[in-house]
Amino acid sequence: GTFYFHYTDTYDLREKIENELSDSFREVLS
């Protein structure tokens, strides 16, 4: 239930991890 509160499935989790990392990477280099 905790998982589904934040993510719809494993693909959503991976996509959000990638987006967070990419956004942080952009912020570091900006």
PDB file of all heavy atoms in Angstrom:
ATOM      1  N   GLY A   1       0.826  -1.210   0.000  1.00  0.00           N
ATOM      2  CA  GLY A   1       0.000   0.000   0.000  1.00  0.00           C
ATOM      3  C   GLY A   1       0.857   1.255   0.000  1.00  0.00           C
ATOM      4  O   GLY A   1       0.535   2.248  -0.664  1.00  0.00           O
ATOM      5  N   THR A   2       1.962   1.210   0.733  1.00  0.00           N
ATOM      6  CA  THR A   2       2.893   2.351   0.769  1.00  0.00           C
ATOM      7  C   THR A   2       3.491   2.567  -0.613  1.00  0.00           C
ATOM      8  O   THR A   2       3.603   3.694  -1.079  1.00  0.00           O
ATOM      9  CB  THR A   2       4.009   2.101   1.809  1.00  0.00           C
ATOM     10  OG1 THR A   2       3.408   1.918   3.088  1.00  0.00           O
ATOM     11  CG2 THR A   2       4.991   3.253   1.855  1.00  0.00           C
ATOM     12  N   PHE A   3       3.872   1.478  -1.275  1.00  0.00           N
ATOM     13  CA  PHE A   3       4.415   1.589  -2.627  1.00  0.00           C
ATOM     14  C   PHE A   3       3.398   2.256  -3.548  1.00  0.00           C
ATOM     15  O   PHE A   3       3.705   3.213  -4.253  1.00  0.00           O
ATOM     16  CB  PHE A   3       4.777   0.200  -3.169  1.00  0.00           C
ATOM     17  CG  PHE A   3       5.310   0.235  -4.576  1.00  0.00           C
ATOM     18  CD1 PHE A   3       6.666   0.306  -4.803  1.00  0.00           C
ATOM     19  CD2 PHE A   3       4.454   0.223  -5.675  1.00  0.00           C
ATOM     20  CE1 PHE A   3       7.175   0.353  -6.103  1.00  0.00           C
ATOM     21  CE2 PHE A   3       4.937   0.275  -6.969  1.00  0.00           C
ATOM     22  CZ  PHE A   3       6.310   0.342  -7.185  1.00  0.00           C
ATOM     23  N   TYR A   4       2.172   1.739  -3.530  1.00  0.00           N
ATOM     24  CA  TYR A   4       1.147   2.246  -4.443  1.00  0.00           C
ATOM     25  C   TYR A   4       0.684   3.665  -4.098  1.00  0.00           C
ATOM     26  O   TYR A   4       0.108   4.337  -4.944  1.00  0.00           O
ATOM     27  CB  TYR A   4      -0.040   1.288  -4.509  1.00  0.00           C
ATOM     28  CG  TYR A   4       0.295   0.018  -5.250  1.00  0.00           C
ATOM     29  CD1 TYR A   4       0.279  -1.213  -4.614  1.00  0.00           C
ATOM     30  CD2 TYR A   4       0.651   0.059  -6.598  1.00  0.00           C
ATOM     31  CE1 TYR A   4       0.595  -2.375  -5.298  1.00  0.00           C
ATOM     32  CE2 TYR A   4       0.977  -1.096  -7.291  1.00  0.00           C
ATOM     33  CZ  TYR A   4       0.941  -2.306  -6.635  1.00  0.00           C
ATOM     34  OH  TYR A   4       1.262  -3.453  -7.325  1.00  0.00           O
ATOM     35  N   PHE A   5       0.971   4.109  -2.911  1.00  0.00           N
ATOM     36  CA  PHE A   5       0.678   5.495  -2.552  1.00  0.00           C
ATOM     37  C   PHE A   5       1.570   6.444  -3.360  1.00  0.00           C
ATOM     38  O   PHE A   5       1.173   7.539  -3.722  1.00  0.00           O
ATOM     39  CB  PHE A   5       0.885   5.724  -1.051  1.00  0.00           C
ATOM     40  CG  PHE A   5       0.579   7.121  -0.610  1.00  0.00           C
ATOM     41  CD1 PHE A   5      -0.735   7.545  -0.472  1.00  0.00           C
ATOM     42  CD2 PHE A   5       1.612   8.023  -0.350  1.00  0.00           C
ATOM     43  CE1 PHE A   5      -1.018   8.848  -0.077  1.00  0.00           C
ATOM     44  CE2 PHE A   5       1.329   9.324   0.040  1.00  0.00           C
ATOM     45  CZ  PHE A   5       0.009   9.733   0.187  1.00  0.00           C
ATOM     46  N   HIS A   6       2.790   6.003  -3.665  1.00  0.00           N
ATOM     47  CA  HIS A   6       3.769   6.840  -4.362  1.00  0.00           C
ATOM     48  C   HIS A   6       3.922   6.507  -5.845  1.00  0.00           C
ATOM     49  O   HIS A   6       4.250   7.384  -6.642  1.00  0.00           O
ATOM     50  CB  HIS A   6       5.139   6.722  -3.688  1.00  0.00           C
ATOM     51  CG  HIS A   6       5.134   7.170  -2.267  1.00  0.00           C
ATOM     52  ND1 HIS A   6       5.054   8.493  -1.911  1.00  0.00           N
ATOM     53  CD2 HIS A   6       5.179   6.466  -1.115  1.00  0.00           C
ATOM     54  CE1 HIS A   6       5.064   8.593  -0.597  1.00  0.00           C
ATOM     55  NE2 HIS A   6       5.137   7.379  -0.085  1.00  0.00           N
ATOM     56  N   TYR A   7       3.730   5.244  -6.227  1.00  0.00           N
ATOM     57  CA  TYR A   7       4.014   4.795  -7.590  1.00  0.00           C
ATOM     58  C   TYR A   7       2.896   3.879  -8.089  1.00  0.00           C
ATOM     59  O   TYR A   7       2.279   3.161  -7.309  1.00  0.00           O
ATOM     60  CB  TYR A   7       5.346   4.034  -7.640  1.00  0.00           C
ATOM     61  CG  TYR A   7       6.481   4.805  -7.016  1.00  0.00           C
ATOM     62  CD1 TYR A   7       6.943   4.493  -5.747  1.00  0.00           C
ATOM     63  CD2 TYR A   7       7.071   5.871  -7.686  1.00  0.00           C
ATOM     64  CE1 TYR A   7       7.975   5.213  -5.164  1.00  0.00           C
ATOM     65  CE2 TYR A   7       8.102   6.605  -7.110  1.00  0.00           C
ATOM     66  CZ  TYR A   7       8.547   6.273  -5.846  1.00  0.00           C
ATOM     67  OH  TYR A   7       9.551   6.996  -5.265  1.00  0.00           O
ATOM     68  N   THR A   8       2.695   3.853  -9.396  1.00  0.00           N
ATOM     69  CA  THR A   8       1.653   2.994  -9.950  1.00  0.00           C
ATOM     70  C   THR A   8       2.152   1.565 -10.185  1.00  0.00           C
ATOM     71  O   THR A   8       1.387   0.622 -10.079  1.00  0.00           O
ATOM     72  CB  THR A   8       1.102   3.555 -11.280  1.00  0.00           C
ATOM     73  OG1 THR A   8       2.184   3.724 -12.203  1.00  0.00           O
ATOM     74  CG2 THR A   8       0.400   4.879 -11.072  1.00  0.00           C
ATOM     75  N   ASP A   9       3.450   1.435 -10.530  1.00  0.00           N
ATOM     76  CA  ASP A   9       4.031   0.117 -10.779  1.00  0.00           C
ATOM     77  C   ASP A   9       5.552   0.254 -10.793  1.00  0.00           C
ATOM     78  O   ASP A   9       6.093   1.328 -10.555  1.00  0.00           O
ATOM     79  CB  ASP A   9       3.512  -0.500 -12.080  1.00  0.00           C
ATOM     80  CG  ASP A   9       3.746   0.376 -13.311  1.00  0.00           C
ATOM     81  OD1 ASP A   9       4.629   1.265 -13.280  1.00  0.00           O
ATOM     82  OD2 ASP A   9       3.049   0.164 -14.319  1.00  0.00           O
ATOM     83  N   THR A  10       6.247  -0.841 -11.108  1.00  0.00           N
ATOM     84  CA  THR A  10       7.714  -0.814 -11.110  1.00  0.00           C
ATOM     85  C   THR A  10       8.257   0.119 -12.189  1.00  0.00           C
ATOM     86  O   THR A  10       9.286   0.768 -11.987  1.00  0.00           O
ATOM     87  CB  THR A  10       8.287  -2.228 -11.310  1.00  0.00           C
ATOM     88  OG1 THR A  10       7.781  -2.775 -12.531  1.00  0.00           O
ATOM     89  CG2 THR A  10       7.939  -3.135 -10.148  1.00  0.00           C
ATOM     90  N   TYR A  11       7.552   0.206 -13.313  1.00  0.00           N
ATOM     91  CA  TYR A  11       7.998   1.088 -14.395  1.00  0.00           C
ATOM     92  C   TYR A  11       7.880   2.550 -13.983  1.00  0.00           C
ATOM     93  O   TYR A  11       8.744   3.370 -14.306  1.00  0.00           O
ATOM     94  CB  TYR A  11       7.201   0.815 -15.680  1.00  0.00           C
ATOM     95  CG  TYR A  11       7.527  -0.530 -16.283  1.00  0.00           C
ATOM     96  CD1 TYR A  11       6.817  -1.665 -15.913  1.00  0.00           C
ATOM     97  CD2 TYR A  11       8.566  -0.663 -17.193  1.00  0.00           C
ATOM     98  CE1 TYR A  11       7.130  -2.908 -16.445  1.00  0.00           C
ATOM     99  CE2 TYR A  11       8.890  -1.895 -17.740  1.00  0.00           C
ATOM    100  CZ  TYR A  11       8.164  -3.013 -17.352  1.00  0.00           C
ATOM    101  OH  TYR A  11       8.491  -4.239 -17.884  1.00  0.00           O
ATOM    102  N   ASP A  12       6.835   2.880 -13.265  1.00  0.00           N
ATOM    103  CA  ASP A  12       6.654   4.239 -12.757  1.00  0.00           C
ATOM    104  C   ASP A  12       7.766   4.580 -11.760  1.00  0.00           C
ATOM    105  O   ASP A  12       8.324   5.678 -11.795  1.00  0.00           O
ATOM    106  CB  ASP A  12       5.277   4.375 -12.102  1.00  0.00           C
ATOM    107  CG  ASP A  12       4.972   5.781 -11.623  1.00  0.00           C
ATOM    108  OD1 ASP A  12       5.271   6.748 -12.373  1.00  0.00           O
ATOM    109  OD2 ASP A  12       4.422   5.921 -10.512  1.00  0.00           O
ATOM    110  N   LEU A  13       8.093   3.645 -10.896  1.00  0.00           N
ATOM    111  CA  LEU A  13       9.183   3.849  -9.930  1.00  0.00           C
ATOM    112  C   LEU A  13      10.486   4.119 -10.667  1.00  0.00           C
ATOM    113  O   LEU A  13      11.185   5.093 -10.379  1.00  0.00           O
ATOM    114  CB  LEU A  13       9.325   2.619  -9.021  1.00  0.00           C
ATOM    115  CG  LEU A  13      10.550   2.590  -8.096  1.00  0.00           C
ATOM    116  CD1 LEU A  13      10.585   3.788  -7.152  1.00  0.00           C
ATOM    117  CD2 LEU A  13      10.571   1.276  -7.312  1.00  0.00           C
ATOM    118  N   ARG A  14      10.822   3.275 -11.641  1.00  0.00           N
ATOM    119  CA  ARG A  14      12.066   3.469 -12.390  1.00  0.00           C
ATOM    120  C   ARG A  14      12.069   4.804 -13.126  1.00  0.00           C
ATOM    121  O   ARG A  14      13.055   5.538 -13.101  1.00  0.00           O
ATOM    122  CB  ARG A  14      12.287   2.329 -13.381  1.00  0.00           C
ATOM    123  CG  ARG A  14      13.682   2.428 -14.045  1.00  0.00           C
ATOM    124  CD  ARG A  14      13.863   1.475 -15.188  1.00  0.00           C
ATOM    125  NE  ARG A  14      13.040   1.936 -16.296  1.00  0.00           N
ATOM    126  CZ  ARG A  14      12.446   1.147 -17.167  1.00  0.00           C
ATOM    127  NH1 ARG A  14      12.560  -0.145 -17.086  1.00  0.00           N
ATOM    128  NH2 ARG A  14      11.717   1.639 -18.147  1.00  0.00           N
ATOM    129  N   GLU A  15      10.963   5.144 -13.772  1.00  0.00           N
ATOM    130  CA  GLU A  15      10.862   6.404 -14.514  1.00  0.00           C
ATOM    131  C   GLU A  15      11.043   7.604 -13.580  1.00  0.00           C
ATOM    132  O   GLU A  15      11.760   8.550 -13.910  1.00  0.00           O
ATOM    133  CB  GLU A  15       9.506   6.493 -15.228  1.00  0.00           C
ATOM    134  CG  GLU A  15       9.312   7.748 -16.034  1.00  0.00           C
ATOM    135  CD  GLU A  15      10.135   7.789 -17.312  1.00  0.00           C
ATOM    136  OE1 GLU A  15      10.560   6.735 -17.805  1.00  0.00           O
ATOM    137  OE2 GLU A  15      10.361   8.904 -17.811  1.00  0.00           O
ATOM    138  N   LYS A  16      10.434   7.555 -12.428  1.00  0.00           N
ATOM    139  CA  LYS A  16      10.561   8.674 -11.474  1.00  0.00           C
ATOM    140  C   LYS A  16      11.983   8.763 -10.916  1.00  0.00           C
ATOM    141  O   LYS A  16      12.493   9.856 -10.709  1.00  0.00           O
ATOM    142  CB  LYS A  16       9.513   8.565 -10.379  1.00  0.00           C
ATOM    143  CG  LYS A  16       8.134   8.930 -10.914  1.00  0.00           C
ATOM    144  CD  LYS A  16       7.071   8.903  -9.861  1.00  0.00           C
ATOM    145  CE  LYS A  16       5.755   9.369 -10.499  1.00  0.00           C
ATOM    146  NZ  LYS A  16       4.602   9.097  -9.660  1.00  0.00           N
ATOM    147  N   ILE A  17      12.610   7.641 -10.692  1.00  0.00           N
ATOM    148  CA  ILE A  17      14.009   7.650 -10.249  1.00  0.00           C
ATOM    149  C   ILE A  17      14.879   8.303 -11.321  1.00  0.00           C
ATOM    150  O   ILE A  17      15.706   9.169 -11.032  1.00  0.00           O
ATOM    151  CB  ILE A  17      14.508   6.218  -9.942  1.00  0.00           C
ATOM    152  CG1 ILE A  17      13.825   5.662  -8.705  1.00  0.00           C
ATOM    153  CG2 ILE A  17      16.029   6.213  -9.768  1.00  0.00           C
ATOM    154  CD1 ILE A  17      14.071   4.167  -8.488  1.00  0.00           C
ATOM    155  N   GLU A  18      14.691   7.876 -12.576  1.00  0.00           N
ATOM    156  CA  GLU A  18      15.468   8.447 -13.683  1.00  0.00           C
ATOM    157  C   GLU A  18      15.227   9.950 -13.807  1.00  0.00           C
ATOM    158  O   GLU A  18      16.167  10.720 -14.006  1.00  0.00           O
ATOM    159  CB  GLU A  18      15.113   7.756 -14.997  1.00  0.00           C
ATOM    160  CG  GLU A  18      15.618   6.338 -15.097  1.00  0.00           C
ATOM    161  CD  GLU A  18      15.170   5.639 -16.377  1.00  0.00           C
ATOM    162  OE1 GLU A  18      14.387   6.216 -17.162  1.00  0.00           O
ATOM    163  OE2 GLU A  18      15.616   4.497 -16.591  1.00  0.00           O
ATOM    164  N   ASN A  19      13.979  10.377 -13.688  1.00  0.00           N
ATOM    165  CA  ASN A  19      13.661  11.807 -13.796  1.00  0.00           C
ATOM    166  C   ASN A  19      14.275  12.603 -12.658  1.00  0.00           C
ATOM    167  O   ASN A  19      14.795  13.701 -12.873  1.00  0.00           O
ATOM    168  CB  ASN A  19      12.142  12.024 -13.851  1.00  0.00           C
ATOM    169  CG  ASN A  19      11.544  11.563 -15.154  1.00  0.00           C
ATOM    170  OD1 ASN A  19      12.229  11.389 -16.161  1.00  0.00           O
ATOM    171  ND2 ASN A  19      10.239  11.329 -15.148  1.00  0.00           N
ATOM    172  N   GLU A  20      14.212  12.060 -11.441  1.00  0.00           N
ATOM    173  CA  GLU A  20      14.819  12.747 -10.296  1.00  0.00           C
ATOM    174  C   GLU A  20      16.333  12.871 -10.471  1.00  0.00           C
ATOM    175  O   GLU A  20      16.911  13.928 -10.217  1.00  0.00           O
ATOM    176  CB  GLU A  20      14.496  12.012  -8.995  1.00  0.00           C
ATOM    177  CG  GLU A  20      13.059  12.142  -8.554  1.00  0.00           C
ATOM    178  CD  GLU A  20      12.695  11.223  -7.398  1.00  0.00           C
ATOM    179  OE1 GLU A  20      13.604  10.639  -6.759  1.00  0.00           O
ATOM    180  OE2 GLU A  20      11.484  11.078  -7.135  1.00  0.00           O
ATOM    181  N   LEU A  21      16.966  11.792 -10.903  1.00  0.00           N
ATOM    182  CA  LEU A  21      18.412  11.834 -11.134  1.00  0.00           C
ATOM    183  C   LEU A  21      18.757  12.830 -12.243  1.00  0.00           C
ATOM    184  O   LEU A  21      19.701  13.614 -12.115  1.00  0.00           O
ATOM    185  CB  LEU A  21      18.957  10.444 -11.492  1.00  0.00           C
ATOM    186  CG  LEU A  21      19.113   9.459 -10.346  1.00  0.00           C
ATOM    187  CD1 LEU A  21      19.358   8.052 -10.868  1.00  0.00           C
ATOM    188  CD2 LEU A  21      20.224   9.899  -9.407  1.00  0.00           C
ATOM    189  N   SER A  22      17.992  12.806 -13.316  1.00  0.00           N
ATOM    190  CA  SER A  22      18.230  13.715 -14.438  1.00  0.00           C
ATOM    191  C   SER A  22      18.033  15.165 -14.023  1.00  0.00           C
ATOM    192  O   SER A  22      18.838  16.042 -14.367  1.00  0.00           O
ATOM    193  CB  SER A  22      17.287  13.357 -15.590  1.00  0.00           C
ATOM    194  OG  SER A  22      17.469  14.232 -16.664  1.00  0.00           O
ATOM    195  N   ASP A  23      16.978  15.441 -13.271  1.00  0.00           N
ATOM    196  CA  ASP A  23      16.729  16.809 -12.790  1.00  0.00           C
ATOM    197  C   ASP A  23      17.851  17.279 -11.861  1.00  0.00           C
ATOM    198  O   ASP A  23      18.303  18.417 -11.951  1.00  0.00           O
ATOM    199  CB  ASP A  23      15.381  16.903 -12.068  1.00  0.00           C
ATOM    200  CG  ASP A  23      14.190  16.749 -13.007  1.00  0.00           C
ATOM    201  OD1 ASP A  23      14.370  16.868 -14.246  1.00  0.00           O
ATOM    202  OD2 ASP A  23      13.078  16.508 -12.494  1.00  0.00           O
ATOM    203  N   SER A  24      18.287  16.403 -10.991  1.00  0.00           N
ATOM    204  CA  SER A  24      19.390  16.749 -10.080  1.00  0.00           C
ATOM    205  C   SER A  24      20.683  16.975 -10.857  1.00  0.00           C
ATOM    206  O   SER A  24      21.459  17.894 -10.549  1.00  0.00           O
ATOM    207  CB  SER A  24      19.597  15.642  -9.043  1.00  0.00           C
ATOM    208  OG  SER A  24      18.475  15.526  -8.218  1.00  0.00           O
ATOM    209  N   PHE A  25      20.923  16.141 -11.854  1.00  0.00           N
ATOM    210  CA  PHE A  25      22.110  16.281 -12.707  1.00  0.00           C
ATOM    211  C   PHE A  25      22.081  17.635 -13.418  1.00  0.00           C
ATOM    212  O   PHE A  25      23.080  18.351 -13.458  1.00  0.00           O
ATOM    213  CB  PHE A  25      22.128  15.126 -13.711  1.00  0.00           C
ATOM    214  CG  PHE A  25      23.397  14.971 -14.497  1.00  0.00           C
ATOM    215  CD1 PHE A  25      24.617  14.784 -13.882  1.00  0.00           C
ATOM    216  CD2 PHE A  25      23.364  14.981 -15.894  1.00  0.00           C
ATOM    217  CE1 PHE A  25      25.789  14.611 -14.615  1.00  0.00           C
ATOM    218  CE2 PHE A  25      24.528  14.811 -16.629  1.00  0.00           C
ATOM    219  CZ  PHE A  25      25.733  14.630 -15.994  1.00  0.00           C
ATOM    220  N   ARG A  26      20.917  18.001 -13.948  1.00  0.00           N
ATOM    221  CA  ARG A  26      20.748  19.292 -14.629  1.00  0.00           C
ATOM    222  C   ARG A  26      21.020  20.444 -13.652  1.00  0.00           C
ATOM    223  O   ARG A  26      21.704  21.409 -13.972  1.00  0.00           O
ATOM    224  CB  ARG A  26      19.345  19.425 -15.220  1.00  0.00           C
ATOM    225  CG  ARG A  26      19.088  20.773 -15.886  1.00  0.00           C
ATOM    226  CD  ARG A  26      17.724  20.862 -16.543  1.00  0.00           C
ATOM    227  NE  ARG A  26      17.747  20.133 -17.812  1.00  0.00           N
ATOM    228  CZ  ARG A  26      17.190  18.963 -18.036  1.00  0.00           C
ATOM    229  NH1 ARG A  26      16.523  18.355 -17.088  1.00  0.00           N
ATOM    230  NH2 ARG A  26      17.281  18.374 -19.209  1.00  0.00           N
ATOM    231  N   GLU A  27      20.495  20.315 -12.452  1.00  0.00           N
ATOM    232  CA  GLU A  27      20.686  21.356 -11.440  1.00  0.00           C
ATOM    233  C   GLU A  27      22.166  21.530 -11.094  1.00  0.00           C
ATOM    234  O   GLU A  27      22.667  22.645 -10.976  1.00  0.00           O
ATOM    235  CB  GLU A  27      19.883  21.002 -10.188  1.00  0.00           C
ATOM    236  CG  GLU A  27      19.853  22.094  -9.151  1.00  0.00           C
ATOM    237  CD  GLU A  27      18.977  21.711  -7.971  1.00  0.00           C
ATOM    238  OE1 GLU A  27      17.823  21.283  -8.190  1.00  0.00           O
ATOM    239  OE2 GLU A  27      19.463  21.842  -6.831  1.00  0.00           O
ATOM    240  N   VAL A  28      22.868  20.420 -10.956  1.00  0.00           N
ATOM    241  CA  VAL A  28      24.299  20.463 -10.628  1.00  0.00           C
ATOM    242  C   VAL A  28      25.093  21.163 -11.737  1.00  0.00           C
ATOM    243  O   VAL A  28      26.008  21.926 -11.467  1.00  0.00           O
ATOM    244  CB  VAL A  28      24.838  19.029 -10.392  1.00  0.00           C
ATOM    245  CG1 VAL A  28      26.350  18.975 -10.426  1.00  0.00           C
ATOM    246  CG2 VAL A  28      24.320  18.483  -9.073  1.00  0.00           C
ATOM    247  N   LEU A  29      24.722  20.910 -12.996  1.00  0.00           N
ATOM    248  CA  LEU A  29      25.469  21.461 -14.125  1.00  0.00           C
ATOM    249  C   LEU A  29      24.969  22.839 -14.580  1.00  0.00           C
ATOM    250  O   LEU A  29      25.658  23.502 -15.359  1.00  0.00           O
ATOM    251  CB  LEU A  29      25.420  20.498 -15.309  1.00  0.00           C
ATOM    252  CG  LEU A  29      26.033  19.127 -15.083  1.00  0.00           C
ATOM    253  CD1 LEU A  29      25.953  18.308 -16.359  1.00  0.00           C
ATOM    254  CD2 LEU A  29      27.454  19.218 -14.594  1.00  0.00           C
ATOM    255  N   SER A  30      23.822  23.267 -14.110  1.00  0.00           N
ATOM    256  CA  SER A  30      23.191  24.485 -14.633  1.00  0.00           C
ATOM    257  C   SER A  30      23.971  25.765 -14.358  1.00  0.00           C
ATOM    258  O   SER A  30      23.783  26.754 -15.056  1.00  0.00           O
ATOM    259  CB  SER A  30      21.769  24.623 -14.105  1.00  0.00           C
ATOM    260  OG  SER A  30      21.793  24.846 -12.712  1.00  0.00           O
TER     261      SER A  30
END
